[in-house]
Amino acid sequence: MTHVISSIALSRKPLVSPARLSTPTTDKTPQLMEEVPSNSFNVEMQIGRSCMNVLRYAQSCADLQSLPISAEHVAAINHCSKTLLQVPLLLPKYFFNRHQQTSIKLAISPSTSEFDKSVVVVLGTLLTLSVEGVIERSKVVDKYRSISSAFVTVTPEIKEAVTTSDSIVKVPELLKQEKQEIVHGGYFKAQFLFSFPTSAYYTLLVQASVIDETGVMWKSEPTDSVSVLVGSEEVLKQQKQSAH
C-alpha cells in the first residue's frame, strides 16, 4: 500500500507542500464530487477530476514513504479509494448483452448402453478412449472470437473394488490425460490410451474447453463420463454370472 502512494507521489513534482496527516473522521471527509447528471460526458469529467484529486492528495502524502505503516497510511488509502468509488461506472447496456454463444456436443466411444452400464476391460490390457466433439455457435453477423483448437481432459477415478479382497487404498494415484486438438469445420477428435492397475470400477470424467485465435482458453459446460469395469477373466466371468 505504501509503495503505491509513494510511486504516485514521486511521478511528478509536488503541487502542494507535503504535510503530515491526521486520521480523518467520516464527517470531515471532503466531498470532492458534485451531483451532476450521469451521462457520458459528465462521467468522463468526474473521472478526470477524481484522478487529479487523488494525484494531488498522494503528492501531499510523500513524507509517509519513510515512516512505518500506521493509521495515517490506511487513512490515505481510504480517502483515495472513496474518491474514486464516487465515480459511477461508465458501462453501457451493450456491455451486459451476450453477443456470441458457443456450445460443445461430445460423443465418447466406447460407450455404455442401458443393459451394459460399464465398459468391460480385462486387467492387463489397454483401453482406447475416443472423444469427438462438435462446436456450435449462435448465428451472428460478426464473430467476436474464432475457435482454433479444443482442449480435452480425461480424469480417471476409482469408484469401488470389484471383490472384497482388493484394496483401493493401495492403488497408485491415477493421472489425468490432456490433449489439444485443432478444430476443423467445427469438429475435433482426441484419442486416449488408459491402463488400469487393479480390478475395480472406474469412472473416466471427460471435459472439453475451447481455445480462441489469441490462445485464451474458454471453459465450457459439457462434461461426460464413462464407467469402466476392470478385472481378470475369472473375476469378470463371476461378475457376469452374478448379474444374471
Protein backbone atom coordinates (compact mmCIF):
# COMPACT_ATOMS: atom_id res chain seq x y z
CA MET A 1 0.00 0.00 0.00
CA THR A 2 2.79 2.41 0.96
CA HIS A 3 4.65 1.84 -2.30
CA VAL A 4 1.52 2.64 -4.31
CA ILE A 5 1.11 6.04 -2.66
CA SER A 6 4.83 6.75 -2.88
CA SER A 7 5.12 5.84 -6.58
CA ILE A 8 2.21 8.12 -7.47
CA ALA A 9 3.58 10.92 -5.39
CA LEU A 10 7.08 10.74 -6.90
CA SER A 11 5.89 10.58 -10.51
CA ARG A 12 5.55 14.38 -10.63
CA LYS A 13 6.79 17.37 -8.70
CA PRO A 14 4.58 18.06 -5.69
CA LEU A 15 1.85 20.55 -6.43
CA VAL A 16 1.45 21.35 -2.75
CA SER A 17 3.85 21.24 0.14
CA PRO A 18 3.94 17.89 1.96
CA ALA A 19 2.02 17.82 5.20
CA ARG A 20 1.59 15.27 7.94
CA LEU A 21 -1.84 13.72 8.05
CA SER A 22 -4.13 13.09 10.93
CA THR A 23 -6.64 10.28 10.84
CA PRO A 24 -9.73 11.74 9.19
CA THR A 25 -13.18 11.06 10.54
CA THR A 26 -16.21 10.30 8.45
CA ASP A 27 -17.95 13.59 9.00
CA LYS A 28 -14.86 15.60 8.00
CA THR A 29 -14.08 13.76 4.77
CA PRO A 30 -14.11 16.34 1.97
CA GLN A 31 -16.73 15.85 -0.70
CA LEU A 32 -14.79 16.06 -3.95
CA MET A 33 -17.60 15.01 -6.25
CA GLU A 34 -20.50 17.13 -7.40
CA GLU A 35 -24.02 15.90 -8.04
CA VAL A 36 -24.26 16.01 -11.82
CA PRO A 37 -26.36 14.06 -14.30
CA SER A 38 -24.87 10.63 -15.02
CA ASN A 39 -24.41 10.98 -18.77
CA SER A 40 -21.29 10.02 -20.70
CA PHE A 41 -19.75 13.49 -20.88
CA ASN A 42 -20.24 14.29 -17.19
CA VAL A 43 -18.96 10.87 -16.13
CA GLU A 44 -15.74 11.40 -18.09
CA MET A 45 -15.32 14.79 -16.40
CA GLN A 46 -15.88 13.15 -13.00
CA ILE A 47 -13.27 10.52 -13.73
CA GLY A 48 -10.68 13.12 -14.74
CA ARG A 49 -11.45 15.31 -11.74
CA SER A 50 -11.24 12.37 -9.33
CA CYS A 51 -7.91 11.20 -10.73
CA MET A 52 -6.43 14.70 -10.35
CA ASN A 53 -7.71 14.94 -6.78
CA VAL A 54 -6.19 11.57 -5.92
CA LEU A 55 -2.89 12.58 -7.53
CA ARG A 56 -2.70 15.84 -5.55
CA TYR A 57 -3.64 14.07 -2.35
CA ALA A 58 -1.00 11.36 -2.90
CA GLN A 59 1.65 14.03 -3.57
CA SER A 60 0.81 15.68 -0.27
CA CYS A 61 1.48 12.33 1.44
CA ALA A 62 5.02 11.94 0.12
CA ASP A 63 6.54 12.21 3.59
CA LEU A 64 4.76 8.97 4.62
CA GLN A 65 7.20 6.96 2.48
CA SER A 66 9.90 6.95 5.15
CA LEU A 67 7.52 6.19 8.05
CA PRO A 68 6.41 2.76 9.28
CA ILE A 69 2.89 1.67 8.34
CA SER A 70 0.36 3.31 10.62
CA ALA A 71 -3.20 4.59 10.73
CA GLU A 72 -2.11 7.55 8.59
CA HIS A 73 -1.30 5.25 5.65
CA VAL A 74 -4.64 3.47 6.00
CA ALA A 75 -6.46 6.80 6.16
CA ALA A 76 -4.72 8.00 2.99
CA ILE A 77 -5.63 4.85 1.05
CA ASN A 78 -9.19 5.00 2.39
CA HIS A 79 -9.52 8.61 1.25
CA CYS A 80 -8.21 7.86 -2.27
CA SER A 81 -10.47 4.80 -2.60
CA LYS A 82 -13.58 6.72 -1.57
CA THR A 83 -12.76 9.47 -4.05
CA LEU A 84 -12.52 7.02 -6.95
CA LEU A 85 -15.55 4.97 -5.89
CA GLN A 86 -17.77 8.05 -6.05
CA VAL A 87 -17.49 7.96 -9.84
CA PRO A 88 -20.21 5.79 -11.48
CA LEU A 89 -19.06 3.04 -13.83
CA LEU A 90 -19.36 4.01 -17.48
CA LEU A 91 -20.67 0.66 -18.75
CA PRO A 92 -23.36 0.80 -21.45
CA LYS A 93 -26.15 -1.75 -21.75
CA TYR A 94 -24.29 -3.25 -24.72
CA PHE A 95 -21.61 -4.42 -22.28
CA PHE A 96 -24.01 -6.80 -20.49
CA ASN A 97 -25.55 -8.37 -23.60
CA ARG A 98 -24.49 -11.81 -24.81
CA HIS A 99 -23.32 -11.37 -28.39
CA GLN A 100 -21.93 -14.83 -29.09
CA GLN A 101 -22.74 -18.21 -27.59
CA THR A 102 -20.64 -21.33 -28.10
CA SER A 103 -21.70 -24.87 -27.20
CA ILE A 104 -19.94 -28.24 -27.49
CA LYS A 105 -21.58 -31.62 -28.04
CA LEU A 106 -19.45 -34.63 -27.10
CA ALA A 107 -19.58 -38.22 -28.32
CA ILE A 108 -17.48 -40.80 -26.45
CA SER A 109 -16.59 -44.32 -27.57
CA PRO A 110 -16.67 -46.99 -26.39
CA SER A 111 -19.98 -46.05 -24.80
CA THR A 112 -22.32 -47.83 -22.43
CA SER A 113 -25.90 -48.92 -23.01
CA GLU A 114 -28.97 -49.50 -20.90
CA PHE A 115 -28.05 -53.17 -20.40
CA ASP A 116 -24.25 -52.81 -20.22
CA LYS A 117 -23.73 -49.95 -17.81
CA SER A 118 -19.93 -50.33 -17.80
CA VAL A 119 -17.26 -50.86 -20.44
CA VAL A 120 -15.54 -54.17 -19.67
CA VAL A 121 -11.73 -54.27 -19.78
CA VAL A 122 -9.57 -57.30 -18.95
CA LEU A 123 -6.91 -56.49 -16.35
CA GLY A 124 -3.51 -56.01 -18.05
CA THR A 125 -4.95 -54.73 -21.34
CA LEU A 126 -5.30 -51.14 -22.52
CA LEU A 127 -8.46 -49.14 -23.19
CA THR A 128 -8.61 -46.75 -26.13
CA LEU A 129 -10.97 -43.87 -25.43
CA SER A 130 -12.10 -41.71 -28.34
CA VAL A 131 -13.66 -38.28 -27.73
CA GLU A 132 -15.35 -36.50 -30.63
CA GLY A 133 -16.81 -33.03 -30.39
CA VAL A 134 -18.97 -30.73 -32.49
CA ILE A 135 -18.81 -26.99 -31.80
CA GLU A 136 -21.92 -24.93 -32.42
CA ARG A 137 -22.17 -21.16 -32.25
CA SER A 138 -25.04 -18.72 -32.28
CA LYS A 139 -25.73 -17.00 -35.59
CA VAL A 140 -24.04 -13.60 -35.53
CA VAL A 141 -23.04 -11.24 -38.32
CA ASP A 142 -19.56 -10.62 -36.89
CA LYS A 143 -17.59 -13.20 -34.95
CA TYR A 144 -16.10 -11.74 -31.79
CA ARG A 145 -13.90 -14.80 -31.28
CA SER A 146 -12.76 -17.56 -33.59
CA ILE A 147 -12.03 -21.02 -32.24
CA SER A 148 -8.70 -22.51 -33.24
CA SER A 149 -8.46 -25.67 -31.11
CA ALA A 150 -10.12 -27.75 -28.41
CA PHE A 151 -8.59 -28.83 -25.10
CA VAL A 152 -9.84 -32.20 -23.83
CA THR A 153 -9.18 -33.51 -20.32
CA VAL A 154 -9.91 -37.05 -19.11
CA THR A 155 -9.65 -37.74 -15.38
CA PRO A 156 -9.83 -41.38 -14.15
CA GLU A 157 -11.28 -42.13 -10.71
CA ILE A 158 -11.81 -45.38 -8.80
CA LYS A 159 -15.39 -45.92 -7.63
CA GLU A 160 -15.18 -49.26 -5.81
CA ALA A 161 -13.29 -52.54 -5.76
CA VAL A 162 -14.66 -55.50 -7.69
CA THR A 163 -14.01 -58.00 -4.88
CA THR A 164 -13.70 -57.55 -1.14
CA SER A 165 -10.06 -58.73 -1.24
CA ASP A 166 -8.95 -55.80 -3.40
CA SER A 167 -7.78 -52.68 -1.61
CA ILE A 168 -8.37 -49.29 -3.22
CA VAL A 169 -6.20 -47.54 -0.64
CA LYS A 170 -3.01 -49.10 -2.02
CA VAL A 171 -3.79 -48.23 -5.63
CA PRO A 172 -1.41 -45.56 -7.00
CA GLU A 173 -2.85 -42.21 -7.98
CA LEU A 174 -4.30 -42.20 -11.45
CA LEU A 175 -3.03 -39.36 -13.61
CA LYS A 176 -5.35 -37.39 -15.83
CA GLN A 177 -4.57 -37.02 -19.52
CA GLU A 178 -4.87 -33.85 -21.57
CA LYS A 179 -4.77 -33.22 -25.31
CA GLN A 180 -5.13 -30.17 -27.53
CA GLU A 181 -6.64 -30.82 -30.94
CA ILE A 182 -7.09 -28.49 -33.92
CA VAL A 183 -10.72 -27.74 -34.81
CA HIS A 184 -11.65 -28.29 -38.47
CA GLY A 185 -15.05 -27.07 -39.58
CA GLY A 186 -16.35 -27.11 -36.02
CA TYR A 187 -15.23 -30.72 -35.45
CA PHE A 188 -12.41 -32.22 -33.38
CA LYS A 189 -11.35 -35.67 -32.22
CA ALA A 190 -8.99 -36.78 -29.46
CA GLN A 191 -7.88 -40.30 -28.50
CA PHE A 192 -6.51 -41.51 -25.17
CA LEU A 193 -4.92 -44.76 -24.02
CA PHE A 194 -5.51 -45.94 -20.43
CA SER A 195 -4.10 -48.76 -18.34
CA PHE A 196 -5.63 -49.78 -15.03
CA PRO A 197 -3.55 -51.03 -12.07
CA THR A 198 -6.12 -53.23 -10.32
CA SER A 199 -9.55 -54.81 -10.58
CA ALA A 200 -12.14 -52.15 -9.81
CA TYR A 201 -14.95 -49.99 -11.11
CA TYR A 202 -13.53 -46.83 -12.68
CA THR A 203 -15.09 -43.60 -13.90
CA LEU A 204 -13.50 -41.59 -16.70
CA LEU A 205 -14.55 -37.93 -16.44
CA VAL A 206 -14.33 -36.09 -19.78
CA GLN A 207 -14.31 -32.31 -20.11
CA ALA A 208 -13.71 -30.14 -23.18
CA SER A 209 -12.77 -26.46 -23.47
CA VAL A 210 -12.10 -24.25 -26.48
CA ILE A 211 -9.10 -22.05 -27.29
CA ASP A 212 -9.55 -18.94 -29.42
CA GLU A 213 -7.19 -17.47 -32.01
CA THR A 214 -5.33 -15.45 -29.35
CA GLY A 215 -4.55 -18.53 -27.25
CA VAL A 216 -7.08 -17.79 -24.49
CA MET A 217 -8.86 -20.85 -23.11
CA TRP A 218 -12.63 -20.68 -22.51
CA LYS A 219 -14.12 -23.24 -20.17
CA SER A 220 -17.35 -24.85 -21.30
CA GLU A 221 -20.16 -26.66 -19.58
CA PRO A 222 -20.21 -30.05 -21.29
CA THR A 223 -18.83 -32.85 -19.15
CA ASP A 224 -19.41 -36.53 -19.70
CA SER A 225 -18.30 -39.73 -18.06
CA VAL A 226 -17.77 -43.40 -18.85
CA SER A 227 -17.98 -46.25 -16.36
CA VAL A 228 -15.31 -48.95 -16.76
CA LEU A 229 -15.20 -52.39 -15.16
CA VAL A 230 -11.67 -53.81 -14.92
CA GLY A 231 -10.88 -57.33 -13.75
CA SER A 232 -9.30 -60.64 -14.62
CA GLU A 233 -11.17 -63.01 -16.92
CA GLU A 234 -12.23 -65.11 -13.93
CA VAL A 235 -13.49 -62.10 -11.99
CA LEU A 236 -15.35 -60.72 -15.00
CA LYS A 237 -16.98 -64.11 -15.52
CA GLN A 238 -18.15 -64.17 -11.89
CA GLN A 239 -19.49 -60.62 -12.24
CA LYS A 240 -21.41 -61.59 -15.37
CA GLN A 241 -22.93 -64.64 -13.72
CA SER A 242 -23.97 -62.68 -10.62
CA ALA A 243 -25.59 -60.05 -12.84
CA HIS A 244 -27.80 -62.71 -14.43
